[in-house]
């Protein structure tokens, strides 16, 4: 019985600290120091939220750069279904999906005859990646330029301006956020 009172006091005290004080403190500090990131890295067009810089979107029109394929099922880039396909490299279903993607990309980009960047053919582990490689953006450049009737040099510069460089270079490759690039593309009007 002598342990009951100290146990209850510790329960209440730790509940207050870990259940109220700590969450409020971390939330307050994150809002103060990293407001944009803490609120989902939202991207705005005017005063309207168009997406997050952290979650890919499904672009399929010829006048836009396309992101990685999404492995989130019927609804592309569904954050509630985040996860990879878990298909092994020897799985015929994966081979068929990649063959269909190759066919689609070759039809959409007829002037490109070289190899297709792998990130345009395979989904990421989460199925939600918002970035593609610089090579994947450049692979699509001619199609987007033709659809928008813009000079390829102007789009190449736009890709360069929207490339997140790996710093330092040995820490990964430079990537392009597809939503930011397409927003910059729309802003050219």
N, C-alpha and C. Protein backbone atom coordinates (compact mmCIF):
# COMPACT_ATOMS: atom_id res chain seq x y z
N UNK A 1 0.81 -1.19 0.00
CA UNK A 1 0.00 0.00 0.00
C UNK A 1 0.86 1.27 0.00
N UNK A 2 2.05 1.19 0.55
CA UNK A 2 2.91 2.38 0.60
C UNK A 2 3.44 2.75 -0.79
N UNK A 3 3.34 1.81 -1.74
CA UNK A 3 3.80 2.09 -3.10
C UNK A 3 2.72 2.69 -3.99
N UNK A 4 1.49 2.63 -3.53
CA UNK A 4 0.38 3.09 -4.37
C UNK A 4 0.43 4.60 -4.62
N UNK A 5 0.59 5.38 -3.59
CA UNK A 5 0.60 6.85 -3.73
C UNK A 5 1.76 7.31 -4.63
N UNK A 6 3.03 6.90 -4.37
CA UNK A 6 4.12 7.33 -5.25
C UNK A 6 3.93 6.85 -6.70
N UNK A 7 3.35 5.67 -6.87
CA UNK A 7 3.11 5.15 -8.21
C UNK A 7 2.10 6.01 -8.96
N UNK A 8 1.02 6.37 -8.30
CA UNK A 8 0.01 7.23 -8.92
C UNK A 8 0.55 8.61 -9.23
N UNK A 9 1.35 9.16 -8.32
CA UNK A 9 1.96 10.48 -8.54
C UNK A 9 2.88 10.42 -9.76
N UNK A 10 3.71 9.36 -9.86
CA UNK A 10 4.60 9.22 -11.02
C UNK A 10 3.81 9.02 -12.31
N UNK A 11 2.73 8.27 -12.25
CA UNK A 11 1.88 8.07 -13.42
C UNK A 11 1.33 9.40 -13.93
N UNK A 12 0.78 10.19 -13.03
CA UNK A 12 0.23 11.49 -13.41
C UNK A 12 1.33 12.42 -13.91
N UNK A 13 2.46 12.45 -13.20
CA UNK A 13 3.57 13.32 -13.58
C UNK A 13 4.13 12.94 -14.96
N UNK A 14 4.40 11.66 -15.19
CA UNK A 14 4.94 11.24 -16.48
C UNK A 14 3.92 11.40 -17.61
N UNK A 15 2.63 11.22 -17.29
CA UNK A 15 1.59 11.45 -18.30
C UNK A 15 1.57 12.92 -18.71
N UNK A 16 1.69 13.81 -17.73
CA UNK A 16 1.74 15.25 -18.04
C UNK A 16 2.97 15.60 -18.87
N UNK A 17 4.12 15.06 -18.47
CA UNK A 17 5.37 15.39 -19.17
C UNK A 17 5.38 14.81 -20.58
N UNK A 18 5.14 13.50 -20.70
CA UNK A 18 5.27 12.86 -22.01
C UNK A 18 4.02 12.98 -22.88
N UNK A 19 2.87 13.23 -22.26
CA UNK A 19 1.64 13.29 -23.03
C UNK A 19 1.19 14.69 -23.35
N UNK A 20 1.67 15.68 -22.60
CA UNK A 20 1.21 17.06 -22.84
C UNK A 20 2.39 18.02 -23.05
N UNK A 21 3.30 18.10 -22.08
CA UNK A 21 4.38 19.08 -22.15
C UNK A 21 5.31 18.81 -23.34
N UNK A 22 5.81 17.58 -23.47
CA UNK A 22 6.74 17.27 -24.56
C UNK A 22 6.12 17.48 -25.94
N UNK A 23 4.91 16.94 -26.22
CA UNK A 23 4.31 17.19 -27.54
C UNK A 23 4.09 18.68 -27.82
N UNK A 24 3.64 19.44 -26.83
CA UNK A 24 3.44 20.87 -27.04
C UNK A 24 4.77 21.58 -27.30
N UNK A 25 5.80 21.20 -26.55
CA UNK A 25 7.12 21.81 -26.73
C UNK A 25 7.68 21.51 -28.11
N UNK A 26 7.65 20.24 -28.52
CA UNK A 26 8.20 19.90 -29.84
C UNK A 26 7.37 20.51 -30.97
N UNK A 27 6.06 20.54 -30.82
CA UNK A 27 5.21 21.16 -31.85
C UNK A 27 5.49 22.66 -31.92
N UNK A 28 5.59 23.30 -30.78
CA UNK A 28 5.87 24.74 -30.75
C UNK A 28 7.22 25.07 -31.36
N UNK A 29 8.24 24.30 -31.01
CA UNK A 29 9.57 24.54 -31.56
C UNK A 29 9.61 24.29 -33.07
N UNK A 30 8.95 23.23 -33.52
CA UNK A 30 8.95 22.96 -34.96
C UNK A 30 8.21 24.04 -35.72
N UNK A 31 7.13 24.55 -35.17
CA UNK A 31 6.40 25.65 -35.83
C UNK A 31 7.24 26.92 -35.85
N UNK A 32 7.98 27.15 -34.79
CA UNK A 32 8.81 28.34 -34.70
C UNK A 32 10.03 28.27 -35.62
N UNK A 33 10.71 27.12 -35.62
CA UNK A 33 11.97 26.99 -36.34
C UNK A 33 11.84 26.46 -37.77
N UNK A 34 10.86 25.58 -38.00
CA UNK A 34 10.72 24.93 -39.31
C UNK A 34 9.27 24.94 -39.75
N UNK A 35 8.66 26.08 -39.79
CA UNK A 35 7.22 26.19 -40.03
C UNK A 35 6.77 25.51 -41.32
N UNK A 36 7.44 25.78 -42.42
CA UNK A 36 7.02 25.19 -43.70
C UNK A 36 7.11 23.68 -43.70
N UNK A 37 8.20 23.16 -43.21
CA UNK A 37 8.40 21.71 -43.17
C UNK A 37 7.42 21.07 -42.19
N UNK A 38 7.23 21.68 -41.04
CA UNK A 38 6.33 21.12 -40.02
C UNK A 38 4.88 21.08 -40.51
N UNK A 39 4.54 21.92 -41.45
CA UNK A 39 3.17 21.96 -41.98
C UNK A 39 3.02 21.19 -43.28
N UNK A 40 4.00 20.36 -43.62
CA UNK A 40 3.85 19.49 -44.78
C UNK A 40 4.53 19.96 -46.05
N UNK A 41 5.37 20.98 -45.98
CA UNK A 41 6.07 21.50 -47.17
C UNK A 41 5.09 21.77 -48.31
N UNK A 42 4.01 22.46 -47.97
CA UNK A 42 2.95 22.73 -48.95
C UNK A 42 3.42 23.74 -50.00
N UNK A 43 2.97 23.52 -51.22
CA UNK A 43 3.28 24.43 -52.33
C UNK A 43 2.00 25.14 -52.73
N UNK A 44 2.11 26.44 -52.94
CA UNK A 44 0.95 27.28 -53.24
C UNK A 44 1.06 27.87 -54.64
N UNK A 45 -0.08 28.02 -55.26
CA UNK A 45 -0.20 28.80 -56.49
C UNK A 45 -1.17 29.90 -56.15
N UNK A 46 -0.63 31.09 -55.92
CA UNK A 46 -1.45 32.16 -55.37
C UNK A 46 -1.74 31.82 -53.92
N UNK A 47 -3.01 31.79 -53.56
CA UNK A 47 -3.37 31.41 -52.19
C UNK A 47 -3.95 30.01 -52.11
N UNK A 48 -3.84 29.25 -53.19
CA UNK A 48 -4.39 27.90 -53.25
C UNK A 48 -3.27 26.86 -53.11
N UNK A 49 -3.48 25.87 -52.23
CA UNK A 49 -2.52 24.78 -52.07
C UNK A 49 -2.67 23.84 -53.25
N UNK A 50 -1.54 23.57 -53.95
CA UNK A 50 -1.58 22.67 -55.09
C UNK A 50 -0.92 21.33 -54.80
N UNK A 51 -0.27 21.20 -53.66
CA UNK A 51 0.35 19.93 -53.31
C UNK A 51 1.44 20.13 -52.28
N UNK A 52 2.17 19.07 -52.06
CA UNK A 52 3.30 19.07 -51.14
C UNK A 52 4.57 18.77 -51.92
N UNK A 53 5.66 19.39 -51.50
CA UNK A 53 6.94 19.11 -52.14
C UNK A 53 7.45 17.73 -51.76
N UNK A 54 6.77 17.06 -50.83
CA UNK A 54 7.22 15.76 -50.34
C UNK A 54 6.46 14.57 -50.92
N UNK A 55 5.37 14.83 -51.63
CA UNK A 55 4.55 13.75 -52.18
C UNK A 55 4.34 14.01 -53.67
N UNK A 56 4.63 13.00 -54.47
CA UNK A 56 4.47 13.13 -55.91
C UNK A 56 3.02 13.26 -56.33
N UNK A 57 2.83 13.70 -57.54
CA UNK A 57 1.49 13.81 -58.12
C UNK A 57 1.50 13.13 -59.49
N UNK A 58 0.34 12.74 -59.93
CA UNK A 58 0.23 12.02 -61.19
C UNK A 58 0.03 13.01 -62.34
N UNK A 59 1.09 13.23 -63.12
CA UNK A 59 1.01 14.06 -64.32
C UNK A 59 1.07 13.12 -65.51
N UNK A 60 0.11 13.23 -66.42
CA UNK A 60 0.10 12.35 -67.58
C UNK A 60 -0.10 13.09 -68.90
N UNK A 61 -0.31 14.40 -68.82
CA UNK A 61 -0.51 15.17 -70.05
C UNK A 61 0.84 15.44 -70.71
N UNK A 62 0.89 15.50 -72.03
CA UNK A 62 2.16 15.67 -72.73
C UNK A 62 2.88 16.97 -72.39
N UNK A 63 2.15 18.00 -71.98
CA UNK A 63 2.75 19.29 -71.70
C UNK A 63 3.34 19.41 -70.31
N UNK A 64 3.42 18.30 -69.59
CA UNK A 64 3.99 18.29 -68.23
C UNK A 64 5.06 17.23 -68.13
N UNK A 65 5.99 17.46 -67.24
CA UNK A 65 6.97 16.43 -66.92
C UNK A 65 6.29 15.39 -66.03
N UNK A 66 6.60 14.13 -66.28
CA UNK A 66 5.99 13.04 -65.54
C UNK A 66 6.94 12.58 -64.44
N UNK A 67 6.37 12.14 -63.34
CA UNK A 67 7.16 11.62 -62.24
C UNK A 67 7.36 10.12 -62.34
N UNK A 68 7.86 9.56 -61.26
CA UNK A 68 8.04 8.11 -61.20
C UNK A 68 6.70 7.42 -61.18
N UNK A 69 6.64 6.20 -61.67
CA UNK A 69 5.40 5.43 -61.51
C UNK A 69 5.11 5.24 -60.02
N UNK A 70 3.86 5.21 -59.67
CA UNK A 70 3.46 5.03 -58.27
C UNK A 70 3.04 3.59 -58.05
N UNK A 71 3.48 3.03 -56.94
CA UNK A 71 3.13 1.65 -56.60
C UNK A 71 1.99 1.61 -55.59
N UNK A 72 1.18 2.66 -55.56
CA UNK A 72 0.14 2.75 -54.54
C UNK A 72 -1.22 2.25 -55.02
N UNK A 73 -1.23 1.46 -56.06
CA UNK A 73 -2.49 0.86 -56.49
C UNK A 73 -3.19 1.65 -57.57
N UNK A 74 -4.52 1.50 -57.60
CA UNK A 74 -5.33 2.12 -58.65
C UNK A 74 -5.26 3.64 -58.63
N UNK A 75 -5.17 4.22 -57.45
CA UNK A 75 -5.13 5.67 -57.31
C UNK A 75 -3.67 6.10 -57.14
N UNK A 76 -3.07 6.63 -58.19
CA UNK A 76 -1.66 7.01 -58.16
C UNK A 76 -1.37 8.02 -57.08
N UNK A 77 -0.26 7.83 -56.41
CA UNK A 77 0.22 8.70 -55.35
C UNK A 77 -0.77 8.83 -54.19
N UNK A 78 -1.42 7.74 -53.85
CA UNK A 78 -2.35 7.70 -52.72
C UNK A 78 -1.54 7.49 -51.45
N UNK A 79 -1.40 8.53 -50.64
CA UNK A 79 -0.59 8.46 -49.44
C UNK A 79 -1.11 7.44 -48.44
N UNK A 80 -2.38 7.10 -48.50
CA UNK A 80 -2.93 6.10 -47.59
C UNK A 80 -2.49 4.69 -47.97
N UNK A 81 -2.01 4.50 -49.18
CA UNK A 81 -1.58 3.18 -49.64
C UNK A 81 -0.07 3.16 -49.89
N UNK A 82 0.67 3.99 -49.17
CA UNK A 82 2.11 4.10 -49.38
C UNK A 82 2.80 2.76 -49.20
N UNK A 83 3.68 2.46 -50.12
CA UNK A 83 4.47 1.24 -50.06
C UNK A 83 4.88 0.79 -51.44
N UNK A 84 5.91 -0.01 -51.49
CA UNK A 84 6.38 -0.52 -52.76
C UNK A 84 5.51 -1.67 -53.25
N UNK A 85 5.79 -2.11 -54.44
CA UNK A 85 5.01 -3.21 -55.01
C UNK A 85 5.45 -4.55 -54.45
N UNK A 86 6.68 -4.62 -53.94
CA UNK A 86 7.26 -5.86 -53.42
C UNK A 86 7.37 -6.94 -54.49
N UNK A 87 7.40 -6.55 -55.75
CA UNK A 87 7.58 -7.51 -56.83
C UNK A 87 9.07 -7.75 -57.03
N UNK A 88 9.48 -9.01 -57.05
CA UNK A 88 10.88 -9.36 -57.25
C UNK A 88 11.30 -9.05 -58.69
N UNK A 89 12.57 -8.90 -58.88
CA UNK A 89 13.09 -8.59 -60.21
C UNK A 89 12.79 -9.71 -61.22
N UNK A 90 12.55 -10.91 -60.74
CA UNK A 90 12.25 -12.04 -61.62
C UNK A 90 10.75 -12.25 -61.80
N UNK A 91 9.93 -11.41 -61.20
CA UNK A 91 8.48 -11.57 -61.27
C UNK A 91 7.97 -11.16 -62.65
N UNK A 92 7.22 -12.03 -63.34
CA UNK A 92 6.70 -11.67 -64.67
C UNK A 92 5.74 -10.48 -64.65
N UNK A 93 5.07 -10.25 -63.54
CA UNK A 93 4.16 -9.09 -63.43
C UNK A 93 4.97 -7.80 -63.51
N UNK A 94 6.13 -7.77 -62.85
CA UNK A 94 7.00 -6.59 -62.91
C UNK A 94 7.53 -6.41 -64.32
N UNK A 95 7.95 -7.49 -64.95
CA UNK A 95 8.44 -7.40 -66.34
C UNK A 95 7.37 -6.84 -67.26
N UNK A 96 6.14 -7.29 -67.09
CA UNK A 96 5.03 -6.82 -67.93
C UNK A 96 4.77 -5.33 -67.69
N UNK A 97 4.78 -4.91 -66.40
CA UNK A 97 4.53 -3.50 -66.06
C UNK A 97 5.62 -2.61 -66.66
N UNK A 98 6.87 -3.04 -66.57
CA UNK A 98 7.97 -2.24 -67.12
C UNK A 98 7.88 -2.20 -68.65
N UNK A 99 7.51 -3.31 -69.28
CA UNK A 99 7.36 -3.32 -70.74
C UNK A 99 6.27 -2.35 -71.17
N UNK A 100 5.17 -2.29 -70.41
CA UNK A 100 4.09 -1.34 -70.73
C UNK A 100 4.56 0.10 -70.55
N UNK A 101 5.35 0.34 -69.51
CA UNK A 101 5.87 1.70 -69.28
C UNK A 101 6.84 2.10 -70.38
N UNK A 102 7.67 1.16 -70.82
CA UNK A 102 8.61 1.44 -71.92
C UNK A 102 7.82 1.81 -73.17
N UNK A 103 6.81 1.04 -73.47
CA UNK A 103 5.98 1.30 -74.66
C UNK A 103 5.34 2.69 -74.56
N UNK A 104 4.77 3.00 -73.40
CA UNK A 104 4.11 4.29 -73.20
C UNK A 104 5.11 5.44 -73.34
N UNK A 105 6.29 5.30 -72.75
CA UNK A 105 7.28 6.37 -72.82
C UNK A 105 7.85 6.52 -74.23
N UNK A 106 8.04 5.42 -74.94
CA UNK A 106 8.53 5.50 -76.33
C UNK A 106 7.49 6.19 -77.23
N UNK A 107 6.21 5.89 -77.00
CA UNK A 107 5.16 6.55 -77.79
C UNK A 107 5.06 8.03 -77.47
N UNK A 108 5.19 8.37 -76.19
CA UNK A 108 5.07 9.77 -75.78
C UNK A 108 6.29 10.59 -76.14
N UNK A 109 7.45 9.95 -76.24
CA UNK A 109 8.71 10.63 -76.53
C UNK A 109 9.38 10.01 -77.76
N UNK A 110 8.77 10.13 -78.93
CA UNK A 110 9.27 9.42 -80.12
C UNK A 110 10.65 9.88 -80.58
N UNK A 111 11.06 11.08 -80.22
CA UNK A 111 12.37 11.56 -80.67
C UNK A 111 13.52 11.01 -79.83
N UNK A 112 13.21 10.38 -78.70
CA UNK A 112 14.23 9.83 -77.82
C UNK A 112 14.46 8.36 -78.17
N UNK A 113 15.68 8.03 -78.55
CA UNK A 113 15.97 6.66 -78.94
C UNK A 113 16.89 5.94 -77.95
N UNK A 114 17.51 6.69 -77.06
CA UNK A 114 18.43 6.09 -76.11
C UNK A 114 17.71 5.35 -74.99
N UNK A 115 18.47 4.88 -74.04
CA UNK A 115 17.86 4.18 -72.92
C UNK A 115 16.98 5.11 -72.08
N UNK A 116 15.92 4.54 -71.55
CA UNK A 116 15.00 5.30 -70.69
C UNK A 116 15.55 5.28 -69.28
N UNK A 117 15.64 6.43 -68.62
CA UNK A 117 16.12 6.43 -67.23
C UNK A 117 15.27 5.50 -66.35
N UNK A 118 15.93 4.75 -65.51
CA UNK A 118 15.27 3.71 -64.73
C UNK A 118 14.19 4.26 -63.80
N UNK A 119 14.35 5.49 -63.35
CA UNK A 119 13.33 6.03 -62.43
C UNK A 119 12.02 6.35 -63.13
N UNK A 120 11.99 6.37 -64.45
CA UNK A 120 10.73 6.53 -65.17
C UNK A 120 10.04 5.18 -65.39
N UNK A 121 10.76 4.11 -65.10
CA UNK A 121 10.22 2.76 -65.33
C UNK A 121 9.84 2.04 -64.05
N UNK A 122 10.49 2.38 -62.94
CA UNK A 122 10.27 1.64 -61.69
C UNK A 122 9.74 2.57 -60.61
N UNK A 123 8.86 2.03 -59.79
CA UNK A 123 8.31 2.80 -58.67
C UNK A 123 9.31 2.80 -57.51
N UNK A 124 9.19 3.77 -56.66
CA UNK A 124 10.07 3.86 -55.49
C UNK A 124 9.53 2.95 -54.38
N UNK A 125 10.29 2.88 -53.30
CA UNK A 125 9.87 2.07 -52.16
C UNK A 125 8.58 2.55 -51.54
N UNK A 126 8.36 3.85 -51.51
CA UNK A 126 7.13 4.38 -50.91
C UNK A 126 6.01 4.50 -51.93
N UNK A 127 6.36 4.63 -53.21
CA UNK A 127 5.36 4.86 -54.24
C UNK A 127 4.90 6.30 -54.30
N UNK A 128 5.56 7.17 -53.53
CA UNK A 128 5.12 8.57 -53.42
C UNK A 128 6.20 9.58 -53.80
N UNK A 129 7.34 9.13 -54.31
CA UNK A 129 8.46 10.03 -54.55
C UNK A 129 8.09 11.21 -55.43
N UNK A 130 8.44 12.43 -54.99
CA UNK A 130 8.12 13.61 -55.79
C UNK A 130 9.23 13.98 -56.77
N UNK A 131 10.39 13.32 -56.68
CA UNK A 131 11.53 13.71 -57.51
C UNK A 131 11.83 12.66 -58.58
N UNK A 132 12.47 13.16 -59.63
CA UNK A 132 13.04 12.29 -60.65
C UNK A 132 14.48 12.74 -60.85
N UNK A 133 15.26 11.91 -61.51
CA UNK A 133 16.64 12.28 -61.81
C UNK A 133 16.66 13.37 -62.88
N UNK A 134 17.78 14.05 -62.97
CA UNK A 134 17.94 15.07 -64.00
C UNK A 134 17.84 14.41 -65.38
N UNK A 135 18.40 13.21 -65.50
CA UNK A 135 18.32 12.48 -66.78
C UNK A 135 16.87 12.18 -67.17
N UNK A 136 16.03 11.86 -66.19
CA UNK A 136 14.61 11.58 -66.48
C UNK A 136 13.89 12.85 -66.93
N UNK A 137 14.25 13.98 -66.35
CA UNK A 137 13.64 15.25 -66.79
C UNK A 137 14.11 15.59 -68.20
N UNK A 138 15.40 15.40 -68.46
CA UNK A 138 15.93 15.71 -69.78
C UNK A 138 15.37 14.77 -70.85
N UNK A 139 15.09 13.54 -70.47
CA UNK A 139 14.50 12.59 -71.40
C UNK A 139 13.15 13.08 -71.91
N UNK A 140 12.41 13.79 -71.08
CA UNK A 140 11.07 14.26 -71.42
C UNK A 140 11.05 15.65 -72.04
N UNK A 141 12.19 16.30 -72.07
CA UNK A 141 12.29 17.69 -72.49
C UNK A 141 11.70 17.95 -73.87
N UNK A 142 12.03 17.14 -74.85
CA UNK A 142 11.55 17.37 -76.23
C UNK A 142 10.02 17.27 -76.30
N UNK A 143 9.44 16.30 -75.61
CA UNK A 143 7.98 16.14 -75.63
C UNK A 143 7.29 17.36 -75.03
N UNK A 144 7.77 17.81 -73.89
CA UNK A 144 7.15 18.96 -73.21
C UNK A 144 7.34 20.22 -74.04
N UNK A 145 8.53 20.40 -74.62
CA UNK A 145 8.79 21.57 -75.46
C UNK A 145 7.85 21.60 -76.66
N UNK A 146 7.65 20.46 -77.29
CA UNK A 146 6.76 20.39 -78.45
C UNK A 146 5.32 20.66 -78.04
N UNK A 147 4.87 20.05 -76.94
CA UNK A 147 3.48 20.23 -76.50
C UNK A 147 3.20 21.67 -76.09
N UNK A 148 4.19 22.33 -75.51
CA UNK A 148 4.02 23.72 -75.06
C UNK A 148 4.47 24.74 -76.08
N UNK A 149 5.08 24.28 -77.16
CA UNK A 149 5.62 25.15 -78.19
C UNK A 149 6.62 26.14 -77.60
N UNK A 150 7.55 25.58 -76.84
CA UNK A 150 8.61 26.37 -76.21
C UNK A 150 9.96 25.87 -76.70
N UNK A 151 10.97 26.73 -76.70
CA UNK A 151 12.30 26.29 -77.10
C UNK A 151 12.88 25.30 -76.06
N UNK A 152 13.54 24.27 -76.56
CA UNK A 152 14.13 23.28 -75.66
C UNK A 152 15.15 23.91 -74.72
N UNK A 153 15.87 24.91 -75.19
CA UNK A 153 16.87 25.58 -74.35
C UNK A 153 16.22 26.24 -73.14
N UNK A 154 15.04 26.80 -73.34
CA UNK A 154 14.32 27.44 -72.23
C UNK A 154 13.91 26.39 -71.19
N UNK A 155 13.46 25.22 -71.66
CA UNK A 155 13.08 24.16 -70.73
C UNK A 155 14.30 23.56 -70.04
N UNK A 156 15.42 23.47 -70.76
CA UNK A 156 16.65 22.95 -70.15
C UNK A 156 17.08 23.86 -69.00
N UNK A 157 16.93 25.16 -69.22
CA UNK A 157 17.27 26.13 -68.16
C UNK A 157 16.31 25.98 -66.98
N UNK A 158 15.04 25.75 -67.27
CA UNK A 158 14.04 25.56 -66.22
C UNK A 158 14.35 24.30 -65.39
N UNK A 159 14.77 23.24 -66.06
CA UNK A 159 15.17 22.02 -65.35
C UNK A 159 16.35 22.32 -64.43
N UNK A 160 17.33 23.03 -64.96
CA UNK A 160 18.51 23.39 -64.17
C UNK A 160 18.14 24.23 -62.95
N UNK A 161 17.23 25.18 -63.12
CA UNK A 161 16.81 26.05 -62.02
C UNK A 161 16.04 25.28 -60.95
N UNK A 162 15.40 24.19 -61.32
CA UNK A 162 14.59 23.41 -60.39
C UNK A 162 15.26 22.11 -59.96
N UNK A 163 16.56 22.04 -60.14
CA UNK A 163 17.32 20.86 -59.71
C UNK A 163 17.86 21.08 -58.31
N UNK A 164 17.59 20.12 -57.44
CA UNK A 164 18.15 20.13 -56.09
C UNK A 164 19.47 19.38 -56.17
N UNK A 165 20.56 20.13 -56.05
CA UNK A 165 21.89 19.55 -56.19
C UNK A 165 22.27 18.77 -54.94
N UNK A 166 22.89 17.62 -55.15
CA UNK A 166 23.41 16.83 -54.04
C UNK A 166 24.63 17.53 -53.48
N UNK A 167 24.64 17.76 -52.17
CA UNK A 167 25.76 18.46 -51.56
C UNK A 167 26.27 17.64 -50.40
N UNK A 168 27.47 17.21 -50.39
CA UNK A 168 28.39 17.13 -51.51
C UNK A 168 27.96 16.04 -52.49
N UNK A 169 28.64 16.00 -53.63
CA UNK A 169 28.22 15.11 -54.72
C UNK A 169 28.19 13.64 -54.35
N UNK A 170 29.02 13.22 -53.42
CA UNK A 170 29.05 11.80 -53.06
C UNK A 170 27.89 11.41 -52.15
N UNK A 171 27.03 12.34 -51.77
CA UNK A 171 25.91 12.07 -50.88
C UNK A 171 24.61 11.78 -51.65
N UNK A 172 24.72 11.41 -52.90
CA UNK A 172 23.54 11.11 -53.70
C UNK A 172 23.56 11.87 -55.00
N UNK A 173 22.52 11.69 -55.78
CA UNK A 173 22.47 12.37 -57.07
C UNK A 173 21.54 13.58 -57.00
N UNK A 174 21.76 14.50 -57.89
CA UNK A 174 20.89 15.66 -58.00
C UNK A 174 19.53 15.21 -58.52
N UNK A 175 18.46 15.82 -58.02
CA UNK A 175 17.10 15.43 -58.40
C UNK A 175 16.27 16.66 -58.74
N UNK A 176 15.18 16.41 -59.44
CA UNK A 176 14.26 17.47 -59.83
C UNK A 176 12.90 17.15 -59.21
N UNK A 177 12.34 18.11 -58.48
CA UNK A 177 11.00 17.93 -57.92
C UNK A 177 10.00 18.20 -59.05
N UNK A 178 9.23 17.18 -59.40
CA UNK A 178 8.35 17.26 -60.58
C UNK A 178 7.26 18.32 -60.40
N UNK A 179 6.65 18.39 -59.23
CA UNK A 179 5.60 19.38 -59.00
C UNK A 179 6.15 20.80 -59.10
N UNK A 180 7.30 21.05 -58.48
CA UNK A 180 7.90 22.39 -58.57
C UNK A 180 8.26 22.75 -60.01
N UNK A 181 8.80 21.77 -60.74
CA UNK A 181 9.16 22.01 -62.14
C UNK A 181 7.92 22.31 -62.97
N UNK A 182 6.85 21.56 -62.77
CA UNK A 182 5.62 21.81 -63.53
C UNK A 182 4.95 23.12 -63.13
N UNK A 183 5.07 23.50 -61.87
CA UNK A 183 4.56 24.82 -61.44
C UNK A 183 5.35 25.93 -62.13
N UNK A 184 6.67 25.79 -62.19
CA UNK A 184 7.50 26.78 -62.88
C UNK A 184 7.17 26.82 -64.37
N UNK A 185 6.85 25.66 -64.92
CA UNK A 185 6.44 25.57 -66.33
C UNK A 185 5.14 26.32 -66.56
N UNK A 186 4.17 26.14 -65.67
CA UNK A 186 2.91 26.87 -65.79
C UNK A 186 3.10 28.37 -65.60
N UNK A 187 4.08 28.75 -64.80
CA UNK A 187 4.32 30.18 -64.55
C UNK A 187 4.92 30.89 -65.76
N UNK A 188 5.39 30.15 -66.75
CA UNK A 188 5.95 30.76 -67.96
C UNK A 188 4.92 31.45 -68.82
N UNK A 189 3.64 31.14 -68.63
CA UNK A 189 2.58 31.66 -69.48
C UNK A 189 2.60 33.16 -69.52
